[in-house]
Each structure stands twice: as C-alpha cells, then as structure tokens.
Amino acid sequence: MKAWWTAWALTVAGPALALDAARLDYQLQPRALAPDTWVIEGAVQDFGRANGCNIINTGFIATPEGTWVINTGPSLKYGQQQRSAIARTTAQPVRAVVSLNLHPDYFLGNGAWADTPTLALPGTRAGMQAEGKAYEDNLFRLCGDWMLGTEAHPARQDLQPGRQRMKGHELEWRRLSGHTGDDLVLIDHTTGVLFAGGLVFSERVPTVPHARLQDWIASLHTLRGWITAGQVRTVVPSHGPVHTGTLGVDQTLDWLQWLDQRLRDSAAQGLDISEVLRLPTPPRFAHWAALQAEYARNVTTLYPAYESGQLQSATVTPGSTR
C-alpha cells in the first residue's frame, strides 16, 4: 500500500515547499454540536500544503468521567493544537483518544497524546503499524513543514465495541467495515450524534485505498437504518460538512454504487484503465471536492480487480465449446 500513498503524494503535491513556521497554525475552532459534544472541522478539500493536510473532522465528548477525543489529525502539530483547543473548551481531563480507522489523518497526531491512552480496533492498530512509516513519508511530501516532528504512533490499546454509560452520556462503539477492514463508529444515544468515521463522506468524493465496496455499501445501509429509526440526528463524517439526516450516507451510497457499475460495465466492454479514466463523471458529482483526483485514484486502485474478474468469468472451462 505504500506505493498507493506515494503516487498520491507525487501527483497531488509535487516538490515539498517550506512554509514560514509562524504560519503553521491550523486555527482549530471547536464547534458545539450538542451538550458536551464538539467537532473540529477540517477543510472540504484534498490533502495539500495550503490546508496543512487538515481535511478531517475530529471531535470530543466531555463527560464527568473524562473526555473522549475522536481522531487526532494529520500531524504532530495538529495533535498539539488540538490538545490546546480541547483544554480551552472543557475542564474535564481527557480519558482516552480513539482513532476510527487506520488512515493517516486519524492518528498521526497521536504523538501529542503520549501520556494518554490511545485506542483503536485491533485491525486498525495492525494497519497503523504496517503503514505508519509510509504515511509519514508521503504526507511530508504533500505538506512539507506542517509535518515536522511527526512520527507514526499507532494506538496502543484495543478498543472493545459496546455500550458505556458515562454520567449523562450513553455511548456506543460499533464495528463496521468496508471503507477499511475495521471501521469504528460512535453513537451518543443521549444526544443523537454519530461520529461516522470514513464510512461517510459529505460533499466530497470517497477515498478507497483499503475499500471493499460491497461491505461498505452494507455498512451504509446499517447507518441509514439508525438515522431513519431516529437513533441518530447529527452525522459527523470524517470528511465533509456535518449534517442532519441521511445526506452524507446517501451521497456516499450514490458514489459507490455508481462507481461499482461504472467499473463493471467498463470491464465487460474490455476498456483499458486509460479509457476508463477518460470517461466523464455524472453532473450530480460536479460540485464535490477532489472529484478529478479521487476519481483517478478510485479507478487506478479498484479497476484491476474488475478486469481480473471479467477475465475469469470469460475463461472457457475444460470440455466446453467456444
């Protein structure tokens, strides 16, 4: 997978440019979503120097039993500034830091939380350990000085899914999959806030380096069921605007189902990857962030498997006639 991130870095960033250290301020502003619940919103863009690779929504929930921090951003500097922002916002000490999946902007800020328990699902921890060094290298290519001092610190403890009553908050951690092998989501049943992780993208094209589309689609139907049943009111995607209702789930489903059909049809027609890359995308996606870059990465990551599947289905079995 290192090659995938390297390709991303080289095509998006080009040569890294140094930035004035005085400008390396993410200007993190926690925004209250519900009682004791905040989001720190990232840019609805692609990774780049102008945004310091900050395209993720992180968050925190403060309870009388401690504060839960959700994702730590793309760099040590982000983690440090996140920690300061949380301390300015709530007097409740931090109980634990949780990363919702293995992608770099979910945990590369962990270095700022060395004195705090850092948790993730077991598969996520294994992925962090396997790919952390590549993430460091490639985000430095993308964002230069924003990444100074950043080292990958995978979560140190396994998180066990389940419900926890926290004096005023009933939190439920659920394991789903599809965007990665282990996708963690958090529902606060008290406030109706869902931290949906990388399963939900809003106004932005999804990323797919570890994706299994059919599992992802199934997980999105699960999330949609929670929303329509009234268990969830506010959805915090890891990428894109926070919203109410099923907007982000529906947008992500729309893209994944369209992409799956596009790749199936292209393989059946015998198109090569360069031809698929030249095909137009539907107008309904035109305003989404990172459209051209992510479409190209989606195709180059996923299409070879569709081509292989088409070849296998076309193979003549022994004894059959052409």
Protein backbone atom coordinates (compact mmCIF):
# COMPACT_ATOMS: atom_id res chain seq x y z
CA MET A 1 0.00 0.00 0.00
CA LYS A 2 2.99 2.30 0.35
CA ALA A 3 3.07 2.70 -3.43
CA TRP A 4 -0.52 3.99 -3.43
CA TRP A 5 0.26 6.73 -0.93
CA THR A 6 3.47 7.60 -2.75
CA ALA A 7 1.59 8.00 -6.02
CA TRP A 8 -0.94 10.23 -4.28
CA ALA A 9 1.78 12.37 -2.77
CA LEU A 10 3.65 12.84 -6.02
CA THR A 11 0.62 13.60 -8.15
CA VAL A 12 -1.06 15.97 -5.73
CA ALA A 13 1.85 17.77 -4.13
CA GLY A 14 4.86 17.84 -6.37
CA PRO A 15 8.07 19.02 -4.64
CA ALA A 16 7.53 19.94 -1.00
CA LEU A 17 7.82 23.65 -0.29
CA ALA A 18 8.93 25.04 3.06
CA LEU A 19 6.46 27.22 4.92
CA ASP A 20 7.14 30.05 7.33
CA ALA A 21 6.89 28.48 10.80
CA ALA A 22 4.80 31.40 12.01
CA ARG A 23 2.08 30.38 9.55
CA LEU A 24 1.84 26.78 10.76
CA ASP A 25 -1.33 27.39 12.72
CA TYR A 26 -4.35 25.23 11.96
CA GLN A 27 -6.61 27.77 13.70
CA LEU A 28 -8.65 24.96 15.23
CA GLN A 29 -12.03 26.13 16.47
CA PRO A 30 -14.18 23.57 18.30
CA ARG A 31 -17.86 23.95 17.44
CA ALA A 32 -20.54 22.70 19.80
CA LEU A 33 -22.94 20.17 18.27
CA ALA A 34 -24.83 19.08 21.38
CA PRO A 35 -24.33 19.26 25.17
CA ASP A 36 -20.68 18.40 25.96
CA THR A 37 -20.01 17.50 22.29
CA TRP A 38 -17.78 19.34 19.84
CA VAL A 39 -16.41 18.93 16.33
CA ILE A 40 -13.23 20.50 14.92
CA GLU A 41 -13.87 20.73 11.19
CA GLY A 42 -11.27 20.19 8.50
CA ALA A 43 -11.19 21.63 5.01
CA VAL A 44 -13.52 20.02 2.47
CA GLN A 45 -10.63 19.57 0.05
CA ASP A 46 -7.84 17.19 -0.90
CA PHE A 47 -4.59 16.96 1.06
CA GLY A 48 -2.36 19.94 0.31
CA ARG A 49 0.09 22.42 1.72
CA ALA A 50 -2.47 25.21 1.82
CA ASN A 51 -4.59 23.30 4.34
CA GLY A 52 -1.69 21.58 6.13
CA CYS A 53 -3.21 18.20 5.19
CA ASN A 54 -6.10 19.02 7.53
CA ILE A 55 -9.12 17.61 5.75
CA ILE A 56 -10.52 15.58 8.64
CA ASN A 57 -13.21 16.28 11.20
CA THR A 58 -12.03 15.44 14.69
CA GLY A 59 -14.15 15.73 17.80
CA PHE A 60 -14.52 15.25 21.52
CA ILE A 61 -17.19 14.45 24.10
CA ALA A 62 -16.67 15.70 27.66
CA THR A 63 -18.31 13.75 30.47
CA PRO A 64 -17.89 13.90 34.27
CA GLU A 65 -15.87 10.69 33.88
CA GLY A 66 -13.47 12.22 31.37
CA THR A 67 -13.27 13.43 27.79
CA TRP A 68 -13.18 11.14 24.76
CA VAL A 69 -11.11 12.50 21.86
CA ILE A 70 -12.01 11.20 18.41
CA ASN A 71 -9.19 11.18 15.82
CA THR A 72 -6.01 13.23 16.20
CA GLY A 73 -5.43 14.70 12.75
CA PRO A 74 -2.64 14.50 10.18
CA SER A 75 0.41 15.71 12.10
CA LEU A 76 2.10 16.18 15.45
CA LYS A 77 1.41 19.90 15.13
CA TYR A 78 -2.29 19.23 14.64
CA GLY A 79 -2.37 16.98 17.70
CA GLN A 80 -0.65 19.63 19.82
CA GLN A 81 -3.01 22.36 18.67
CA GLN A 82 -6.00 20.04 19.09
CA ARG A 83 -4.93 19.33 22.66
CA SER A 84 -4.71 23.05 23.41
CA ALA A 85 -8.11 23.71 21.82
CA ILE A 86 -9.74 20.99 23.92
CA ALA A 87 -8.15 22.33 27.11
CA ARG A 88 -9.55 25.79 26.30
CA THR A 89 -13.01 24.34 25.78
CA THR A 90 -13.56 21.94 28.67
CA ALA A 91 -12.08 21.47 32.11
CA GLN A 92 -12.76 17.73 32.02
CA PRO A 93 -9.49 15.75 31.76
CA VAL A 94 -9.00 13.58 28.71
CA ARG A 95 -9.83 9.94 29.43
CA ALA A 96 -8.76 8.42 26.09
CA VAL A 97 -8.03 9.12 22.43
CA VAL A 98 -9.75 6.93 19.84
CA SER A 99 -8.90 6.56 16.13
CA LEU A 100 -11.81 5.43 13.98
CA ASN A 101 -9.66 3.79 11.29
CA LEU A 102 -6.08 3.30 10.10
CA HIS A 103 -5.73 6.21 7.67
CA PRO A 104 -3.04 8.80 8.46
CA ASP A 105 -5.18 11.79 9.41
CA TYR A 106 -6.95 9.69 12.02
CA PHE A 107 -3.83 9.08 14.10
CA LEU A 108 -0.68 10.94 13.05
CA GLY A 109 -1.43 13.47 15.81
CA ASN A 110 -1.13 10.73 18.44
CA GLY A 111 2.39 11.90 19.28
CA ALA A 112 0.84 14.84 21.12
CA TRP A 113 -1.04 12.42 23.39
CA ALA A 114 1.83 10.26 24.63
CA ASP A 115 0.59 10.48 28.24
CA THR A 116 -2.96 9.44 27.34
CA PRO A 117 -4.42 6.02 26.42
CA THR A 118 -4.76 5.73 22.64
CA LEU A 119 -7.29 3.17 21.42
CA ALA A 120 -8.47 1.60 18.15
CA LEU A 121 -9.91 -1.66 16.86
CA PRO A 122 -7.35 -4.50 16.56
CA GLY A 123 -7.33 -4.49 12.76
CA THR A 124 -6.87 -0.74 12.75
CA ARG A 125 -3.91 -1.00 15.11
CA ALA A 126 -2.30 -3.62 12.88
CA GLY A 127 -2.78 -1.41 9.82
CA MET A 128 -1.27 1.59 11.60
CA GLN A 129 1.78 -0.47 12.50
CA ALA A 130 2.19 -1.79 8.96
CA GLU A 131 1.73 1.51 7.10
CA GLY A 132 2.67 4.23 9.56
CA LYS A 133 6.14 4.93 8.16
CA ALA A 134 4.81 5.26 4.61
CA TYR A 135 2.18 7.68 5.86
CA GLU A 136 4.86 9.85 7.50
CA ASP A 137 6.92 10.00 4.31
CA ASN A 138 4.06 10.68 1.95
CA LEU A 139 2.31 13.36 3.99
CA PHE A 140 5.63 15.15 4.32
CA ARG A 141 5.83 15.17 0.52
CA LEU A 142 2.34 16.61 0.45
CA CYS A 143 2.56 19.19 3.22
CA GLY A 144 6.20 19.91 3.97
CA ASP A 145 6.88 21.82 7.18
CA TRP A 146 3.41 21.15 8.59
CA MET A 147 4.68 17.62 9.22
CA LEU A 148 7.90 18.47 11.07
CA GLY A 149 8.38 16.21 14.08
CA THR A 150 5.55 13.90 13.06
CA GLU A 151 6.10 10.21 13.65
CA ALA A 152 3.52 7.46 13.44
CA HIS A 153 2.38 6.37 16.89
CA PRO A 154 -0.18 3.60 16.40
CA ALA A 155 -2.88 3.26 19.03
CA ARG A 156 -1.51 1.32 21.97
CA GLN A 157 -4.66 -0.44 23.20
CA ASP A 158 -7.55 -2.36 21.68
CA LEU A 159 -11.00 -0.82 21.95
CA GLN A 160 -13.82 -3.23 22.68
CA PRO A 161 -17.08 -2.33 20.91
CA GLY A 162 -20.14 -1.97 23.11
CA ARG A 163 -22.13 0.49 25.21
CA GLN A 164 -20.82 2.66 28.02
CA ARG A 165 -22.85 4.81 30.41
CA MET A 166 -20.81 7.87 31.28
CA LYS A 167 -22.93 10.04 33.65
CA GLY A 168 -25.05 11.96 31.21
CA HIS A 169 -23.97 10.16 28.05
CA GLU A 170 -24.74 6.70 26.78
CA LEU A 171 -22.01 5.97 24.25
CA GLU A 172 -21.98 3.03 21.87
CA TRP A 173 -18.93 1.96 19.87
CA ARG A 174 -19.80 -0.18 16.84
CA ARG A 175 -17.51 -2.05 14.47
CA LEU A 176 -18.48 -1.97 10.80
CA SER A 177 -16.32 -2.36 7.69
CA GLY A 178 -15.93 -1.55 4.01
CA HIS A 179 -14.03 1.73 3.90
CA THR A 180 -11.32 -0.27 5.68
CA GLY A 181 -11.28 -3.72 7.24
CA ASP A 182 -12.17 -2.23 10.65
CA ASP A 183 -14.38 0.86 10.67
CA LEU A 184 -15.30 2.15 14.12
CA VAL A 185 -18.27 4.45 14.66
CA LEU A 186 -19.54 6.14 17.81
CA ILE A 187 -23.20 6.82 18.59
CA ASP A 188 -24.08 9.01 21.54
CA HIS A 189 -27.58 7.79 22.30
CA THR A 190 -28.10 10.71 24.67
CA THR A 191 -27.51 13.46 22.10
CA GLY A 192 -28.14 11.60 18.84
CA VAL A 193 -24.69 12.48 17.49
CA LEU A 194 -22.98 9.89 15.27
CA PHE A 195 -19.24 10.05 14.57
CA ALA A 196 -19.35 8.01 11.38
CA GLY A 197 -15.65 7.86 10.51
CA GLY A 198 -14.58 7.19 6.95
CA LEU A 199 -17.78 5.33 6.13
CA VAL A 200 -19.49 8.63 5.36
CA PHE A 201 -18.26 11.38 3.03
CA SER A 202 -20.27 14.56 2.56
CA GLU A 203 -19.85 16.83 -0.48
CA ARG A 204 -16.57 15.03 -1.20
CA VAL A 205 -15.60 12.02 -3.29
CA PRO A 206 -14.75 8.99 -1.10
CA THR A 207 -11.25 7.57 -0.84
CA VAL A 208 -10.82 3.84 -1.45
CA PRO A 209 -7.25 2.60 -0.74
CA HIS A 210 -8.49 -0.16 1.59
CA ALA A 211 -12.09 -0.38 0.38
CA ARG A 212 -14.34 -3.38 -0.16
CA LEU A 213 -17.28 -1.79 -1.89
CA GLN A 214 -20.00 -4.31 -1.13
CA ASP A 215 -19.12 -4.39 2.59
CA TRP A 216 -19.07 -0.60 2.59
CA ILE A 217 -22.48 -0.39 0.95
CA ALA A 218 -23.87 -2.81 3.54
CA SER A 219 -22.45 -0.70 6.36
CA LEU A 220 -24.02 2.43 4.90
CA HIS A 221 -27.41 0.73 4.86
CA THR A 222 -26.88 -0.07 8.55
CA LEU A 223 -26.11 3.59 9.30
CA ARG A 224 -29.09 4.71 7.27
CA GLY A 225 -31.31 2.44 9.34
CA TRP A 226 -30.13 4.06 12.57
CA ILE A 227 -30.82 7.52 11.17
CA THR A 228 -34.28 6.75 9.83
CA ALA A 229 -35.17 4.98 13.09
CA GLY A 230 -34.41 8.20 14.99
CA GLN A 231 -31.36 6.90 16.87
CA VAL A 232 -29.15 9.48 15.11
CA ARG A 233 -29.89 13.16 14.48
CA THR A 234 -26.49 14.66 13.68
CA VAL A 235 -23.90 12.93 11.49
CA VAL A 236 -20.21 13.82 11.75
CA PRO A 237 -18.44 12.39 8.72
CA SER A 238 -14.68 12.27 8.85
CA HIS A 239 -14.62 14.28 5.60
CA GLY A 240 -17.14 16.92 4.64
CA PRO A 241 -19.77 19.06 6.36
CA VAL A 242 -21.55 17.92 9.49
CA HIS A 243 -25.25 17.47 8.74
CA THR A 244 -28.57 16.12 9.92
CA GLY A 245 -30.40 13.24 8.31
CA THR A 246 -29.17 10.88 5.62
CA LEU A 247 -27.45 13.36 3.27
CA GLY A 248 -23.89 12.03 3.67
CA VAL A 249 -24.94 8.40 3.74
CA ASP A 250 -26.99 8.86 0.58
CA GLN A 251 -24.19 10.71 -1.21
CA THR A 252 -21.63 8.05 -0.30
CA LEU A 253 -24.00 5.26 -1.38
CA ASP A 254 -24.69 7.06 -4.63
CA TRP A 255 -20.98 7.34 -5.47
CA LEU A 256 -20.08 3.77 -4.50
CA GLN A 257 -22.99 2.20 -6.39
CA TRP A 258 -22.31 4.35 -9.45
CA LEU A 259 -18.58 3.58 -9.29
CA ASP A 260 -19.19 -0.16 -8.95
CA GLN A 261 -21.46 -0.12 -12.02
CA ARG A 262 -19.03 2.06 -13.99
CA LEU A 263 -16.17 -0.37 -13.35
CA ARG A 264 -18.29 -3.44 -14.07
CA ASP A 265 -19.54 -2.03 -17.35
CA SER A 266 -16.07 -0.89 -18.37
CA ALA A 267 -14.56 -4.31 -17.69
CA ALA A 268 -17.37 -6.01 -19.63
CA GLN A 269 -16.66 -3.73 -22.59
CA GLY A 270 -12.95 -4.53 -22.45
CA LEU A 271 -11.87 -0.94 -21.75
CA ASP A 272 -8.34 -0.43 -20.53
CA ILE A 273 -7.67 1.71 -17.49
CA SER A 274 -6.68 4.78 -19.50
CA GLU A 275 -10.02 4.65 -21.30
CA VAL A 276 -11.92 4.40 -18.01
CA LEU A 277 -10.02 7.38 -16.65
CA ARG A 278 -11.13 9.45 -19.65
CA LEU A 279 -14.84 8.69 -19.17
CA PRO A 280 -16.89 11.63 -17.85
CA THR A 281 -18.41 11.64 -14.37
CA PRO A 282 -22.11 12.47 -13.91
CA PRO A 283 -23.04 16.14 -13.43
CA ARG A 284 -24.53 15.45 -10.00
CA PHE A 285 -21.00 14.95 -8.64
CA ALA A 286 -19.54 18.06 -10.29
CA HIS A 287 -19.51 20.24 -7.14
CA TRP A 288 -17.95 17.61 -4.87
CA ALA A 289 -14.46 18.23 -3.52
CA ALA A 290 -11.47 16.37 -5.01
CA LEU A 291 -13.56 14.98 -7.88
CA GLN A 292 -10.93 14.56 -10.59
CA ALA A 293 -8.12 13.46 -8.28
CA GLU A 294 -10.24 10.97 -6.35
CA TYR A 295 -11.94 9.56 -9.45
CA ALA A 296 -8.48 8.82 -10.85
CA ARG A 297 -7.35 7.21 -7.59
CA ASN A 298 -10.60 5.24 -7.27
CA VAL A 299 -10.17 3.81 -10.77
CA THR A 300 -6.46 3.02 -10.52
CA THR A 301 -6.97 1.35 -7.13
CA LEU A 302 -10.05 -0.73 -7.90
CA TYR A 303 -10.25 -1.37 -11.65
CA PRO A 304 -7.58 -4.10 -11.91
CA ALA A 305 -9.73 -6.39 -9.75
CA TYR A 306 -12.74 -5.81 -12.03
CA GLU A 307 -10.62 -6.62 -15.08
CA SER A 308 -9.39 -9.82 -13.43
CA GLY A 309 -12.92 -10.81 -12.53
CA GLN A 310 -14.07 -10.27 -16.10
CA LEU A 311 -11.23 -12.40 -17.44
CA GLN A 312 -12.02 -15.20 -15.01
CA SER A 313 -15.70 -15.18 -15.91
CA ALA A 314 -14.78 -15.37 -19.60
CA THR A 315 -12.44 -18.34 -19.17
CA VAL A 316 -13.64 -21.42 -21.02
CA THR A 317 -13.90 -24.45 -18.75
CA PRO A 318 -12.49 -27.81 -19.87
CA GLY A 319 -14.91 -29.74 -22.10
CA SER A 320 -16.93 -26.68 -23.04
CA THR A 321 -17.23 -25.37 -26.57
CA ARG A 322 -16.44 -21.86 -27.72
